[in-house]
Amino acid sequence: MHIVAVLALDQVIPFDLATPIEVFSRVRLPDEENPYEVRVCGPAETVDAGAFTIGVRWGLSTLLDADTIILPGCADPAMIVPPDVLDHLRKAAAGGTRIASICAGTFIFAATGLLDGLRATTHWIAAPVLAARYPEITVDADVLYVDNGQFLTSAGAAAGLDLCLHLIRRDHGSAVAADAARLSVMPLEREGGQAQFIVPDAPPTPRGSELEPLLRWMQENTDVDVTLGDLAARGGMSVRTLNRRFREQTGTTPLQWLLRARIRRAQHLLEAGDQPVEVIAGRVGFGSPTAFRDRFKRIVGTSPQSYRATFRRR
């Protein structure tokens, strides 16, 4: 069981605190098991969260038992972090524990000295303050999150969701992360300067809609070489009507939807097996391995080989 310790200090921002609790608590593997145990911990039994008070079940020693530590932001970034909290974080890091911060939680992280010499991010409003207070850190306010391997930081609010999904993807691959994203009603690909590595699911189509049978067929036959005319004929409509209804119901064109469906299928094949990239290219409807590599990198942000090396199922 992978223990996720979420640190709760006075003035903790409730949204930042709740995000990792909700996301990690609802992860499910293919066998329906949850691989994470989430523990909220802190230096005191109760925490002032502004509008309400939170009871904390676990003490700081949980930080030393954790596999991942999440540092939510606090309302006052200038607050003095208790020395025993910093000591426990440094000891956990020395033992190899993964540590990630959300929003202004980067200030807590920075106070440990563990981010010195590294690139980090935080909420864009607080980024100049972080850079001035900790000049040893390269502050990048233009990204959703920064992954330095053992140490990760995220920008404000919803970027904490991006970070949590990224951690799940690192641990268990894109399929499990995609399920977690759907439960969070969260898009898997957002602008922010970071390669997200997951192709978003096609926008939902209302059940019983005219396009539903066609979309199902396209998803189940990504290897079939089809034209726009073929899709229109299968859907029983003109090409013009097909394009219009795709735009209305999915927000994209039929061929772009099919391309993304093919890349999603390729991701699963890369994660689950050993077939060469050239074989996978054919299995997902690309006549040319070069065209497949180019399209995969354009959509996913990395090459098929790099994707497999990063996300192949353990």
Protein backbone atom coordinates (compact mmCIF):
# COMPACT_ATOMS: atom_id res chain seq x y z
CA MET A 1 0.00 0.00 0.00
CA HIS A 2 1.34 3.40 -1.03
CA ILE A 3 0.88 5.87 1.84
CA VAL A 4 0.09 9.47 0.88
CA ALA A 5 0.58 11.84 3.82
CA VAL A 6 -1.14 15.22 3.44
CA LEU A 7 0.31 17.83 5.80
CA ALA A 8 -2.23 20.07 7.56
CA LEU A 9 -0.90 23.22 9.23
CA ASP A 10 -2.83 26.15 10.68
CA GLN A 11 -4.25 28.41 7.95
CA VAL A 12 -4.27 25.53 5.49
CA ILE A 13 -6.26 26.31 2.35
CA PRO A 14 -9.21 23.88 2.36
CA PHE A 15 -9.23 23.42 -1.42
CA ASP A 16 -5.53 22.49 -1.47
CA LEU A 17 -6.04 20.08 1.43
CA ALA A 18 -9.09 18.39 -0.06
CA THR A 19 -7.69 17.94 -3.58
CA PRO A 20 -5.16 15.15 -2.86
CA ILE A 21 -7.50 13.52 -0.35
CA GLU A 22 -10.28 13.21 -2.90
CA VAL A 23 -8.13 12.31 -5.90
CA PHE A 24 -5.95 9.64 -4.30
CA SER A 25 -8.81 8.17 -2.24
CA ARG A 26 -10.81 7.40 -5.37
CA VAL A 27 -8.11 5.79 -7.53
CA ARG A 28 -8.97 2.29 -8.73
CA LEU A 29 -6.73 -0.27 -10.40
CA PRO A 30 -8.12 -2.76 -12.95
CA ASP A 31 -8.82 -5.18 -10.06
CA GLU A 32 -10.89 -2.43 -8.37
CA GLU A 33 -8.38 -2.09 -5.52
CA ASN A 34 -7.22 1.35 -4.35
CA PRO A 35 -3.39 1.38 -4.26
CA TYR A 36 -3.23 4.45 -1.99
CA GLU A 37 -3.87 5.06 1.70
CA VAL A 38 -4.34 8.76 2.45
CA ARG A 39 -3.42 10.10 5.90
CA VAL A 40 -3.91 13.71 6.98
CA CYS A 41 -1.19 14.57 9.48
CA GLY A 42 0.12 17.57 11.38
CA PRO A 43 1.85 18.86 14.49
CA ALA A 44 -1.45 19.34 16.36
CA GLU A 45 -4.71 17.43 16.78
CA THR A 46 -6.76 20.31 15.38
CA VAL A 47 -6.05 22.74 12.56
CA ASP A 48 -7.51 26.18 11.90
CA ALA A 49 -8.69 26.11 8.28
CA GLY A 50 -10.26 29.55 8.31
CA ALA A 51 -13.98 28.92 7.97
CA PHE A 52 -13.81 25.78 10.09
CA THR A 53 -11.56 23.65 12.31
CA ILE A 54 -10.23 20.27 11.19
CA GLY A 55 -9.44 17.32 13.42
CA VAL A 56 -6.12 15.69 12.45
CA ARG A 57 -5.86 11.96 13.03
CA TRP A 58 -2.14 11.43 12.38
CA GLY A 59 0.99 13.02 13.86
CA LEU A 60 4.18 14.17 12.17
CA SER A 61 5.73 10.72 12.46
CA THR A 62 3.46 9.72 9.56
CA LEU A 63 5.69 11.83 7.31
CA LEU A 64 8.49 9.34 7.95
CA ASP A 65 6.24 6.37 7.05
CA ALA A 66 4.88 7.91 3.87
CA ASP A 67 5.77 7.08 0.27
CA THR A 68 4.46 10.44 -0.93
CA ILE A 69 4.01 13.67 1.03
CA ILE A 70 1.68 16.42 -0.20
CA LEU A 71 2.14 19.98 1.09
CA PRO A 72 -1.05 22.06 0.66
CA GLY A 73 -0.77 25.83 0.69
CA CYS A 74 -1.53 28.06 3.66
CA ALA A 75 -3.35 31.40 3.59
CA ASP A 76 -0.25 33.32 4.66
CA PRO A 77 2.82 32.27 2.63
CA ALA A 78 4.99 34.29 5.03
CA MET A 79 4.02 32.13 8.00
CA ILE A 80 6.83 30.60 10.05
CA VAL A 81 6.84 26.85 9.50
CA PRO A 82 7.35 24.97 12.80
CA PRO A 83 10.93 23.67 13.05
CA ASP A 84 9.80 20.12 13.84
CA VAL A 85 7.78 20.09 10.61
CA LEU A 86 10.85 21.10 8.59
CA ASP A 87 12.98 18.49 10.37
CA HIS A 88 10.51 15.71 9.57
CA LEU A 89 10.30 16.76 5.92
CA ARG A 90 14.10 16.76 5.58
CA LYS A 91 14.35 13.33 7.20
CA ALA A 92 11.65 11.95 4.93
CA ALA A 93 13.41 13.35 1.87
CA ALA A 94 16.71 11.82 2.98
CA GLY A 95 14.93 8.46 3.07
CA GLY A 96 13.76 8.85 -0.52
CA THR A 97 10.16 9.93 0.09
CA ARG A 98 8.53 11.76 -2.80
CA ILE A 99 7.36 15.25 -1.81
CA ALA A 100 4.99 17.49 -3.76
CA SER A 101 3.50 20.89 -3.00
CA ILE A 102 0.27 22.50 -4.12
CA CYS A 103 -0.04 26.26 -4.71
CA ALA A 104 1.52 28.23 -1.81
CA GLY A 105 2.64 24.93 -0.29
CA THR A 106 5.82 25.60 -2.26
CA PHE A 107 6.75 28.12 0.45
CA ILE A 108 6.68 25.35 3.07
CA PHE A 109 8.73 23.18 0.72
CA ALA A 110 11.21 25.98 0.05
CA ALA A 111 11.74 26.56 3.77
CA THR A 112 13.27 23.07 4.05
CA GLY A 113 16.06 23.97 1.61
CA LEU A 114 15.22 20.90 -0.46
CA LEU A 115 14.32 22.98 -3.52
CA ASP A 116 17.59 24.92 -3.60
CA GLY A 117 19.14 24.71 -7.06
CA LEU A 118 15.94 23.33 -8.57
CA ARG A 119 13.13 24.70 -10.73
CA ALA A 120 9.77 25.17 -9.01
CA THR A 121 6.41 26.84 -9.42
CA THR A 122 3.60 28.22 -7.28
CA HIS A 123 0.51 30.40 -7.71
CA TRP A 124 1.36 33.16 -10.19
CA ILE A 125 0.46 35.88 -7.68
CA ALA A 126 2.96 34.51 -5.15
CA ALA A 127 5.72 33.67 -7.66
CA PRO A 128 7.60 37.02 -7.34
CA VAL A 129 7.55 36.70 -3.54
CA LEU A 130 8.86 33.14 -3.72
CA ALA A 131 11.66 34.18 -6.10
CA ALA A 132 12.68 37.11 -3.87
CA ARG A 133 12.61 35.10 -0.66
CA TYR A 134 14.38 32.03 -2.05
CA PRO A 135 16.80 33.20 -4.77
CA GLU A 136 18.42 29.73 -4.88
CA ILE A 137 15.22 28.42 -6.52
CA THR A 138 14.46 28.98 -10.20
CA VAL A 139 10.80 30.04 -10.08
CA ASP A 140 8.75 29.35 -13.21
CA ALA A 141 5.27 30.88 -13.00
CA ASP A 142 4.26 29.83 -16.52
CA VAL A 143 3.66 26.11 -15.92
CA LEU A 144 1.04 23.98 -14.21
CA TYR A 145 3.59 21.91 -12.34
CA VAL A 146 7.29 21.07 -12.23
CA ASP A 147 8.51 17.49 -11.86
CA ASN A 148 12.08 17.20 -10.58
CA GLY A 149 11.77 13.49 -9.91
CA GLN A 150 11.62 13.17 -6.12
CA PHE A 151 10.41 16.74 -5.63
CA LEU A 152 7.42 18.28 -7.42
CA THR A 153 5.60 21.61 -7.19
CA SER A 154 2.37 22.88 -8.71
CA ALA A 155 0.72 26.19 -9.43
CA GLY A 156 -2.51 27.35 -7.82
CA ALA A 157 -5.95 25.81 -7.37
CA ALA A 158 -6.80 23.40 -10.23
CA ALA A 159 -3.11 22.82 -10.99
CA GLY A 160 -3.10 20.70 -7.83
CA LEU A 161 -5.42 18.33 -9.66
CA ASP A 162 -3.01 18.23 -12.61
CA LEU A 163 -0.18 17.38 -10.22
CA CYS A 164 -2.09 14.59 -8.46
CA LEU A 165 -3.10 13.03 -11.78
CA HIS A 166 0.51 13.25 -12.94
CA LEU A 167 1.65 11.37 -9.83
CA ILE A 168 -0.96 8.68 -10.41
CA ARG A 169 0.16 8.41 -14.02
CA ARG A 170 3.77 7.99 -12.90
CA ASP A 171 2.76 5.25 -10.50
CA HIS A 172 0.18 3.32 -12.52
CA GLY A 173 0.05 4.54 -16.11
CA SER A 174 -2.31 6.61 -18.21
CA ALA A 175 -5.35 4.33 -18.09
CA VAL A 176 -5.61 4.48 -14.30
CA ALA A 177 -4.92 8.23 -14.34
CA ALA A 178 -7.60 8.73 -16.99
CA ASP A 179 -10.16 6.97 -14.78
CA ALA A 180 -9.15 9.18 -11.85
CA ALA A 181 -9.53 12.26 -14.04
CA ARG A 182 -13.00 11.25 -15.13
CA LEU A 183 -14.05 10.88 -11.49
CA SER A 184 -12.70 14.38 -10.86
CA VAL A 185 -14.48 15.69 -13.98
CA MET A 186 -11.06 17.01 -14.94
CA PRO A 187 -9.60 17.40 -18.44
CA LEU A 188 -6.40 15.48 -18.93
CA GLU A 189 -4.74 17.93 -21.28
CA ARG A 190 -4.53 21.62 -20.41
CA GLU A 191 -2.47 24.50 -21.65
CA GLY A 192 0.38 25.30 -19.30
CA GLY A 193 3.70 24.54 -20.94
CA GLN A 194 3.90 21.01 -19.59
CA ALA A 195 3.66 17.86 -21.68
CA GLN A 196 0.71 16.12 -20.09
CA PHE A 197 1.40 12.70 -21.63
CA ILE A 198 -2.29 11.74 -21.69
CA VAL A 199 -4.54 12.17 -24.68
CA PRO A 200 -7.91 13.45 -23.44
CA ASP A 201 -10.97 11.34 -23.93
CA ALA A 202 -13.23 12.57 -26.66
CA PRO A 203 -15.88 15.00 -25.38
CA PRO A 204 -18.90 13.00 -24.22
CA THR A 205 -21.76 12.34 -26.57
CA PRO A 206 -25.27 12.10 -25.06
CA ARG A 207 -26.47 8.52 -24.83
CA GLY A 208 -28.91 7.67 -27.54
CA SER A 209 -27.60 10.44 -29.81
CA GLU A 210 -27.32 9.86 -33.52
CA LEU A 211 -23.52 9.76 -33.34
CA GLU A 212 -23.20 7.24 -30.52
CA PRO A 213 -23.17 4.06 -32.70
CA LEU A 214 -20.65 5.63 -35.09
CA LEU A 215 -18.36 6.76 -32.27
CA ARG A 216 -18.46 3.30 -30.76
CA TRP A 217 -17.56 1.75 -34.11
CA MET A 218 -14.68 4.22 -34.61
CA GLN A 219 -13.31 3.46 -31.16
CA GLU A 220 -13.46 -0.30 -31.76
CA ASN A 221 -11.97 -0.12 -35.26
CA THR A 222 -9.03 2.26 -34.96
CA ASP A 223 -7.01 0.02 -37.29
CA VAL A 224 -9.41 0.43 -40.23
CA ASP A 225 -8.37 2.86 -42.95
CA VAL A 226 -11.42 5.07 -43.51
CA THR A 227 -12.18 8.35 -45.24
CA LEU A 228 -14.58 11.08 -44.25
CA GLY A 229 -16.95 9.74 -46.90
CA ASP A 230 -16.77 6.25 -45.41
CA LEU A 231 -17.68 7.61 -41.96
CA ALA A 232 -20.54 9.66 -43.36
CA ALA A 233 -21.93 6.62 -45.19
CA ARG A 234 -21.64 4.46 -42.07
CA GLY A 235 -23.45 7.14 -40.09
CA GLY A 236 -26.17 7.42 -42.74
CA MET A 237 -25.66 11.12 -43.41
CA SER A 238 -23.89 13.50 -45.76
CA VAL A 239 -20.31 14.60 -45.13
CA ARG A 240 -21.53 18.12 -44.40
CA THR A 241 -24.06 16.87 -41.84
CA LEU A 242 -21.47 14.58 -40.25
CA ASN A 243 -19.03 17.46 -39.80
CA ARG A 244 -21.72 19.71 -38.33
CA ARG A 245 -22.96 17.13 -35.85
CA PHE A 246 -19.44 16.20 -34.77
CA ARG A 247 -18.73 19.84 -34.03
CA GLU A 248 -21.97 20.19 -32.11
CA GLN A 249 -21.64 16.99 -30.06
CA THR A 250 -17.90 16.42 -29.65
CA GLY A 251 -16.32 19.81 -30.29
CA THR A 252 -13.99 18.47 -32.98
CA THR A 253 -13.95 16.99 -36.49
CA PRO A 254 -14.50 13.29 -37.29
CA LEU A 255 -10.92 12.71 -38.44
CA GLN A 256 -9.40 14.54 -35.46
CA TRP A 257 -11.59 12.47 -33.13
CA LEU A 258 -10.41 9.30 -34.88
CA LEU A 259 -6.76 10.34 -34.69
CA ARG A 260 -7.03 10.88 -30.94
CA ALA A 261 -8.82 7.56 -30.52
CA ARG A 262 -5.93 5.88 -32.38
CA ILE A 263 -3.35 7.55 -30.16
CA ARG A 264 -5.26 6.55 -27.01
CA ARG A 265 -5.24 2.96 -28.25
CA ALA A 266 -1.52 3.21 -29.00
CA GLN A 267 -0.83 4.43 -25.45
CA HIS A 268 -2.52 1.37 -24.00
CA LEU A 269 -0.57 -0.95 -26.32
CA LEU A 270 2.72 0.74 -25.43
CA GLU A 271 2.00 0.39 -21.73
CA ALA A 272 0.79 -3.19 -21.78
CA GLY A 273 3.05 -5.08 -24.21
CA ASP A 274 6.38 -5.48 -25.99
CA GLN A 275 5.32 -5.10 -29.61
CA PRO A 276 7.62 -2.89 -31.70
CA VAL A 277 6.46 0.62 -32.44
CA GLU A 278 6.19 -0.29 -36.14
CA VAL A 279 3.67 -3.05 -35.33
CA ILE A 280 1.66 -0.79 -33.02
CA ALA A 281 1.54 1.86 -35.74
CA GLY A 282 -0.21 -0.61 -38.04
CA ARG A 283 -2.55 -1.84 -35.30
CA VAL A 284 -3.88 1.66 -34.74
CA GLY A 285 -4.38 2.55 -38.39
CA PHE A 286 -1.17 4.33 -39.39
CA GLY A 287 0.30 3.12 -42.66
CA SER A 288 3.66 4.69 -41.90
CA PRO A 289 5.61 4.29 -38.62
CA THR A 290 7.12 7.72 -39.27
CA ALA A 291 3.69 9.32 -39.54
CA PHE A 292 2.66 7.53 -36.34
CA ARG A 293 5.71 8.78 -34.44
CA ASP A 294 5.16 12.34 -35.64
CA ARG A 295 1.47 12.34 -34.75
CA PHE A 296 2.07 10.65 -31.38
CA LYS A 297 4.67 13.24 -30.38
CA ARG A 298 2.49 16.11 -31.56
CA ILE A 299 -0.49 14.96 -29.47
CA VAL A 300 1.16 13.37 -26.42
CA GLY A 301 4.25 15.55 -26.16
CA THR A 302 6.83 12.76 -26.26
CA SER A 303 7.92 9.89 -28.53
CA PRO A 304 6.32 6.42 -28.39
CA GLN A 305 9.61 4.96 -27.11
CA SER A 306 9.92 7.53 -24.33
CA TYR A 307 6.28 7.08 -23.41
CA ARG A 308 6.73 3.32 -23.07
CA ALA A 309 9.87 3.74 -20.98
CA THR A 310 8.00 6.08 -18.61
CA PHE A 311 4.58 4.47 -18.32
CA ARG A 312 4.94 0.80 -19.05
CA ARG A 313 2.89 -1.16 -16.55
CA ARG A 314 4.89 -2.64 -13.72
